[in-house]
């Protein structure tokens, strides 16, 4: 199971009776634009070589919503001085370790 900040905030709210204080930050993935261009890694240079210039222009102007911020360009984050920041870092580290174990057990090596 992949965790999210929303799951963590819900957990903190259940434990303390109030959600953690957050601040708005610009999304680091799309740099606040809310969209990303194309699908990186979806096509190889060999694929691209077969395209006409019009095909490439159409692909190069295609945008999709950013997955990280759901197209808003901003995210809620814990401030660095939050009393919950250390717990969030531990939560993320545990999730990363769990994902690594699941990948190793399933044979995926990324």
N, C-alpha and C. Protein backbone atom coordinates (compact mmCIF):
# COMPACT_ATOMS: atom_id res chain seq x y z
N UNK A 1 0.84 -1.17 0.00
CA UNK A 1 0.00 0.00 0.00
C UNK A 1 0.88 1.23 0.00
N UNK A 2 0.58 2.17 -0.85
CA UNK A 2 1.32 3.42 -0.90
C UNK A 2 0.67 4.42 0.04
N UNK A 3 1.48 5.07 0.83
CA UNK A 3 0.94 6.06 1.74
C UNK A 3 0.93 7.42 1.07
N UNK A 4 0.15 8.30 1.61
CA UNK A 4 0.11 9.66 1.11
C UNK A 4 0.11 10.60 2.30
N UNK A 5 0.38 11.86 2.02
CA UNK A 5 0.35 12.83 3.10
C UNK A 5 -1.05 12.91 3.70
N UNK A 6 -2.07 12.75 2.86
CA UNK A 6 -3.45 12.80 3.35
C UNK A 6 -3.70 11.70 4.38
N UNK A 7 -3.16 10.50 4.12
CA UNK A 7 -3.31 9.40 5.08
C UNK A 7 -2.60 9.73 6.39
N UNK A 8 -1.42 10.32 6.29
CA UNK A 8 -0.67 10.70 7.48
C UNK A 8 -1.42 11.77 8.26
N UNK A 9 -1.93 12.79 7.58
CA UNK A 9 -2.67 13.87 8.25
C UNK A 9 -3.92 13.32 8.94
N UNK A 10 -4.59 12.37 8.29
CA UNK A 10 -5.76 11.74 8.89
C UNK A 10 -5.37 10.98 10.16
N UNK A 11 -4.25 10.27 10.10
CA UNK A 11 -3.75 9.54 11.26
C UNK A 11 -3.45 10.50 12.41
N UNK A 12 -2.77 11.60 12.12
CA UNK A 12 -2.44 12.59 13.16
C UNK A 12 -3.72 13.18 13.74
N UNK A 13 -4.69 13.48 12.88
CA UNK A 13 -5.95 14.05 13.35
C UNK A 13 -6.67 13.08 14.28
N UNK A 14 -6.65 11.79 13.96
CA UNK A 14 -7.28 10.79 14.82
C UNK A 14 -6.55 10.68 16.15
N UNK A 15 -5.21 10.78 16.11
CA UNK A 15 -4.42 10.64 17.34
C UNK A 15 -4.50 11.87 18.24
N UNK A 16 -4.52 13.06 17.63
CA UNK A 16 -4.44 14.29 18.42
C UNK A 16 -5.75 15.06 18.50
N UNK A 17 -6.68 14.75 17.63
CA UNK A 17 -7.95 15.48 17.60
C UNK A 17 -7.94 16.68 16.68
N UNK A 18 -6.80 16.97 16.03
CA UNK A 18 -6.70 18.10 15.10
C UNK A 18 -5.71 17.75 14.00
N UNK A 19 -6.00 18.18 12.77
CA UNK A 19 -5.04 17.91 11.69
C UNK A 19 -3.77 18.74 11.89
N UNK A 20 -2.65 18.27 11.38
CA UNK A 20 -1.41 19.05 11.52
C UNK A 20 -1.47 20.33 10.70
N UNK A 21 -0.82 21.36 11.20
CA UNK A 21 -0.74 22.63 10.46
C UNK A 21 0.14 22.42 9.23
N UNK A 22 -0.29 22.99 8.11
CA UNK A 22 0.47 22.85 6.87
C UNK A 22 0.66 24.21 6.21
N UNK A 23 1.54 24.23 5.24
CA UNK A 23 1.76 25.43 4.43
C UNK A 23 1.63 25.04 2.96
N UNK A 24 1.23 25.99 2.12
CA UNK A 24 1.18 25.75 0.68
C UNK A 24 2.58 25.91 0.11
N UNK A 25 2.96 25.01 -0.78
CA UNK A 25 4.24 25.11 -1.49
C UNK A 25 4.00 24.83 -2.97
N UNK A 26 4.88 25.36 -3.80
CA UNK A 26 4.81 25.11 -5.24
C UNK A 26 5.24 23.67 -5.51
N UNK A 27 4.51 22.99 -6.37
CA UNK A 27 4.82 21.61 -6.72
C UNK A 27 6.20 21.54 -7.37
N UNK A 28 7.04 20.65 -6.86
CA UNK A 28 8.39 20.52 -7.40
C UNK A 28 8.42 19.75 -8.71
N UNK A 29 7.39 18.98 -9.00
CA UNK A 29 7.37 18.18 -10.24
C UNK A 29 7.04 19.04 -11.45
N UNK A 30 6.00 19.88 -11.33
CA UNK A 30 5.58 20.69 -12.49
C UNK A 30 5.96 22.16 -12.34
N UNK A 31 6.63 22.51 -11.24
CA UNK A 31 7.07 23.88 -10.96
C UNK A 31 5.91 24.87 -10.93
N UNK A 32 4.77 24.41 -10.43
CA UNK A 32 3.61 25.28 -10.27
C UNK A 32 2.73 25.41 -11.49
N UNK A 33 3.10 24.78 -12.59
CA UNK A 33 2.32 24.89 -13.82
C UNK A 33 1.05 24.03 -13.78
N UNK A 34 1.09 22.93 -13.05
CA UNK A 34 -0.07 22.03 -12.98
C UNK A 34 -0.13 21.02 -14.11
N UNK A 35 0.74 21.16 -15.10
CA UNK A 35 0.75 20.23 -16.23
C UNK A 35 2.18 19.79 -16.53
N UNK A 36 2.27 18.65 -17.20
CA UNK A 36 3.54 18.13 -17.67
C UNK A 36 3.42 17.87 -19.16
N UNK A 37 4.52 17.93 -19.86
CA UNK A 37 4.50 17.72 -21.30
C UNK A 37 4.73 16.26 -21.64
N UNK A 38 3.93 15.75 -22.57
CA UNK A 38 4.13 14.40 -23.10
C UNK A 38 4.17 13.32 -22.05
N UNK A 39 4.77 12.22 -22.41
CA UNK A 39 4.95 11.08 -21.52
C UNK A 39 6.40 10.69 -21.57
N UNK A 40 7.26 11.21 -20.69
CA UNK A 40 8.68 10.90 -20.74
C UNK A 40 8.94 9.40 -20.73
N UNK A 41 9.81 8.98 -21.64
CA UNK A 41 10.17 7.57 -21.71
C UNK A 41 9.18 6.71 -22.47
N UNK A 42 8.10 7.30 -22.96
CA UNK A 42 7.09 6.51 -23.66
C UNK A 42 7.54 6.14 -25.08
N UNK A 43 8.41 6.95 -25.66
CA UNK A 43 8.86 6.70 -27.02
C UNK A 43 10.39 6.74 -27.08
N UNK A 44 10.95 5.90 -27.91
CA UNK A 44 12.40 5.89 -28.11
C UNK A 44 12.75 6.80 -29.27
N UNK A 45 14.03 7.05 -29.46
CA UNK A 45 14.47 7.85 -30.61
C UNK A 45 14.14 7.13 -31.92
N UNK A 46 14.15 5.79 -31.90
CA UNK A 46 13.78 5.04 -33.10
C UNK A 46 12.32 5.30 -33.45
N UNK A 47 11.45 5.34 -32.43
CA UNK A 47 10.04 5.67 -32.67
C UNK A 47 9.94 7.07 -33.24
N UNK A 48 10.64 8.00 -32.61
CA UNK A 48 10.58 9.40 -33.01
C UNK A 48 11.06 9.59 -34.45
N UNK A 49 12.04 8.80 -34.88
CA UNK A 49 12.58 8.93 -36.23
C UNK A 49 11.53 8.61 -37.29
N UNK A 50 10.52 7.84 -36.93
CA UNK A 50 9.47 7.47 -37.88
C UNK A 50 8.37 8.52 -37.99
N UNK A 51 8.36 9.49 -37.08
CA UNK A 51 7.31 10.51 -37.08
C UNK A 51 7.57 11.60 -38.10
N UNK A 52 6.50 12.18 -38.56
CA UNK A 52 6.63 13.38 -39.39
C UNK A 52 6.83 14.56 -38.45
N UNK A 53 7.21 15.68 -38.99
CA UNK A 53 7.40 16.89 -38.17
C UNK A 53 6.07 17.30 -37.52
N UNK A 54 4.96 17.12 -38.23
CA UNK A 54 3.64 17.46 -37.68
C UNK A 54 3.30 16.55 -36.48
N UNK A 55 3.63 15.26 -36.60
CA UNK A 55 3.39 14.33 -35.49
C UNK A 55 4.18 14.75 -34.25
N UNK A 56 5.45 15.12 -34.48
CA UNK A 56 6.28 15.52 -33.36
C UNK A 56 5.77 16.81 -32.72
N UNK A 57 5.36 17.76 -33.53
CA UNK A 57 4.82 19.02 -33.00
C UNK A 57 3.57 18.75 -32.15
N UNK A 58 2.71 17.85 -32.63
CA UNK A 58 1.51 17.51 -31.87
C UNK A 58 1.86 16.87 -30.54
N UNK A 59 2.84 15.99 -30.55
CA UNK A 59 3.26 15.34 -29.31
C UNK A 59 3.92 16.33 -28.37
N UNK A 60 4.76 17.20 -28.92
CA UNK A 60 5.51 18.15 -28.10
C UNK A 60 4.59 19.16 -27.42
N UNK A 61 3.42 19.41 -27.97
CA UNK A 61 2.50 20.38 -27.37
C UNK A 61 1.43 19.71 -26.50
N UNK A 62 1.44 18.38 -26.42
CA UNK A 62 0.49 17.65 -25.58
C UNK A 62 0.86 17.84 -24.11
N UNK A 63 -0.11 18.17 -23.29
CA UNK A 63 0.12 18.29 -21.86
C UNK A 63 -0.86 17.40 -21.11
N UNK A 64 -0.47 17.03 -19.90
CA UNK A 64 -1.30 16.21 -19.04
C UNK A 64 -1.21 16.77 -17.63
N UNK A 65 -2.21 16.53 -16.81
CA UNK A 65 -2.15 17.04 -15.43
C UNK A 65 -0.99 16.39 -14.67
N UNK A 66 -0.37 17.16 -13.82
CA UNK A 66 0.70 16.65 -12.97
C UNK A 66 0.11 15.67 -11.96
N UNK A 67 0.74 14.50 -11.84
CA UNK A 67 0.24 13.48 -10.91
C UNK A 67 0.50 13.87 -9.46
N UNK A 68 1.57 14.58 -9.21
CA UNK A 68 1.94 14.90 -7.83
C UNK A 68 0.96 15.89 -7.19
N UNK A 69 0.56 16.92 -7.93
CA UNK A 69 -0.31 17.95 -7.36
C UNK A 69 -1.73 17.89 -7.91
N UNK A 70 -2.03 16.89 -8.72
CA UNK A 70 -3.35 16.72 -9.35
C UNK A 70 -3.74 17.93 -10.20
N UNK A 71 -2.73 18.59 -10.78
CA UNK A 71 -2.99 19.69 -11.69
C UNK A 71 -3.19 21.05 -11.04
N UNK A 72 -3.03 21.15 -9.73
CA UNK A 72 -3.24 22.43 -9.06
C UNK A 72 -2.00 23.31 -9.05
N UNK A 73 -0.82 22.71 -9.16
CA UNK A 73 0.42 23.47 -9.13
C UNK A 73 0.93 23.73 -7.73
N UNK A 74 0.16 23.30 -6.73
CA UNK A 74 0.59 23.53 -5.35
C UNK A 74 0.26 22.32 -4.49
N UNK A 75 0.97 22.21 -3.37
CA UNK A 75 0.77 21.10 -2.44
C UNK A 75 0.78 21.63 -1.02
N UNK A 76 0.17 20.88 -0.14
CA UNK A 76 0.26 21.19 1.29
C UNK A 76 1.40 20.36 1.86
N UNK A 77 2.25 20.99 2.67
CA UNK A 77 3.36 20.30 3.31
C UNK A 77 3.46 20.74 4.75
N UNK A 78 4.10 19.90 5.53
CA UNK A 78 4.38 20.28 6.91
C UNK A 78 5.49 21.31 6.91
N UNK A 79 5.39 22.35 7.73
CA UNK A 79 6.52 23.27 7.84
C UNK A 79 7.70 22.54 8.50
N UNK A 80 8.89 22.99 8.23
CA UNK A 80 10.09 22.33 8.76
C UNK A 80 10.09 22.30 10.29
N UNK A 81 9.49 23.29 10.93
CA UNK A 81 9.48 23.34 12.39
C UNK A 81 8.26 22.64 13.01
N UNK A 82 7.51 21.90 12.20
CA UNK A 82 6.33 21.20 12.70
C UNK A 82 6.73 20.09 13.67
N UNK A 83 5.96 19.92 14.75
CA UNK A 83 6.27 18.82 15.66
C UNK A 83 6.02 17.45 15.01
N UNK A 84 5.34 17.43 13.88
CA UNK A 84 5.02 16.18 13.20
C UNK A 84 6.00 15.86 12.06
N UNK A 85 6.93 16.77 11.77
CA UNK A 85 7.84 16.58 10.65
C UNK A 85 8.69 15.32 10.81
N UNK A 86 9.19 15.07 12.00
CA UNK A 86 10.01 13.88 12.23
C UNK A 86 9.19 12.60 12.04
N UNK A 87 7.94 12.60 12.53
CA UNK A 87 7.08 11.43 12.37
C UNK A 87 6.78 11.19 10.89
N UNK A 88 6.56 12.26 10.11
CA UNK A 88 6.31 12.13 8.67
C UNK A 88 7.53 11.54 7.97
N UNK A 89 8.73 12.00 8.33
CA UNK A 89 9.95 11.47 7.73
C UNK A 89 10.11 9.99 8.05
N UNK A 90 9.83 9.61 9.29
CA UNK A 90 9.90 8.19 9.67
C UNK A 90 8.87 7.37 8.91
N UNK A 91 7.66 7.90 8.77
CA UNK A 91 6.58 7.22 8.06
C UNK A 91 7.02 6.98 6.62
N UNK A 92 7.58 7.99 5.96
CA UNK A 92 8.03 7.86 4.57
C UNK A 92 9.18 6.85 4.46
N UNK A 93 10.11 6.87 5.40
CA UNK A 93 11.23 5.93 5.37
C UNK A 93 10.74 4.50 5.52
N UNK A 94 9.78 4.28 6.42
CA UNK A 94 9.23 2.94 6.61
C UNK A 94 8.51 2.47 5.34
N UNK A 95 7.76 3.37 4.70
CA UNK A 95 7.06 3.01 3.47
C UNK A 95 8.06 2.67 2.36
N UNK A 96 9.13 3.45 2.25
CA UNK A 96 10.15 3.18 1.24
C UNK A 96 10.80 1.82 1.48
N UNK A 97 11.07 1.50 2.72
CA UNK A 97 11.67 0.20 3.05
C UNK A 97 10.70 -0.93 2.73
N UNK A 98 9.42 -0.74 3.04
CA UNK A 98 8.41 -1.76 2.71
C UNK A 98 8.31 -1.96 1.20
N UNK A 99 8.34 -0.87 0.43
CA UNK A 99 8.26 -0.99 -1.03
C UNK A 99 9.48 -1.74 -1.55
N UNK A 100 10.65 -1.46 -1.00
CA UNK A 100 11.87 -2.15 -1.44
C UNK A 100 11.77 -3.65 -1.17
N UNK A 101 11.24 -4.03 -0.03
CA UNK A 101 11.06 -5.45 0.29
C UNK A 101 10.07 -6.08 -0.68
N UNK A 102 8.96 -5.41 -0.93
CA UNK A 102 7.96 -5.96 -1.86
C UNK A 102 8.53 -6.13 -3.26
N UNK A 103 9.32 -5.14 -3.72
CA UNK A 103 9.95 -5.25 -5.05
C UNK A 103 10.92 -6.43 -5.08
N UNK A 104 11.72 -6.58 -4.04
CA UNK A 104 12.70 -7.67 -3.99
C UNK A 104 11.99 -9.02 -3.96
N UNK A 105 10.93 -9.12 -3.20
CA UNK A 105 10.20 -10.39 -3.10
C UNK A 105 9.45 -10.73 -4.39
N UNK A 106 9.06 -9.70 -5.14
CA UNK A 106 8.30 -9.96 -6.36
C UNK A 106 9.20 -10.14 -7.58
N UNK A 107 10.48 -9.84 -7.44
CA UNK A 107 11.40 -10.00 -8.56
C UNK A 107 11.64 -8.72 -9.34
N UNK A 108 10.95 -7.63 -9.00
CA UNK A 108 11.20 -6.37 -9.68
C UNK A 108 12.47 -5.76 -9.11
N UNK A 109 13.29 -5.21 -9.98
CA UNK A 109 14.56 -4.66 -9.51
C UNK A 109 14.70 -3.19 -9.88
N UNK A 110 13.74 -2.37 -9.54
CA UNK A 110 13.90 -0.95 -9.80
C UNK A 110 13.91 -0.24 -8.57
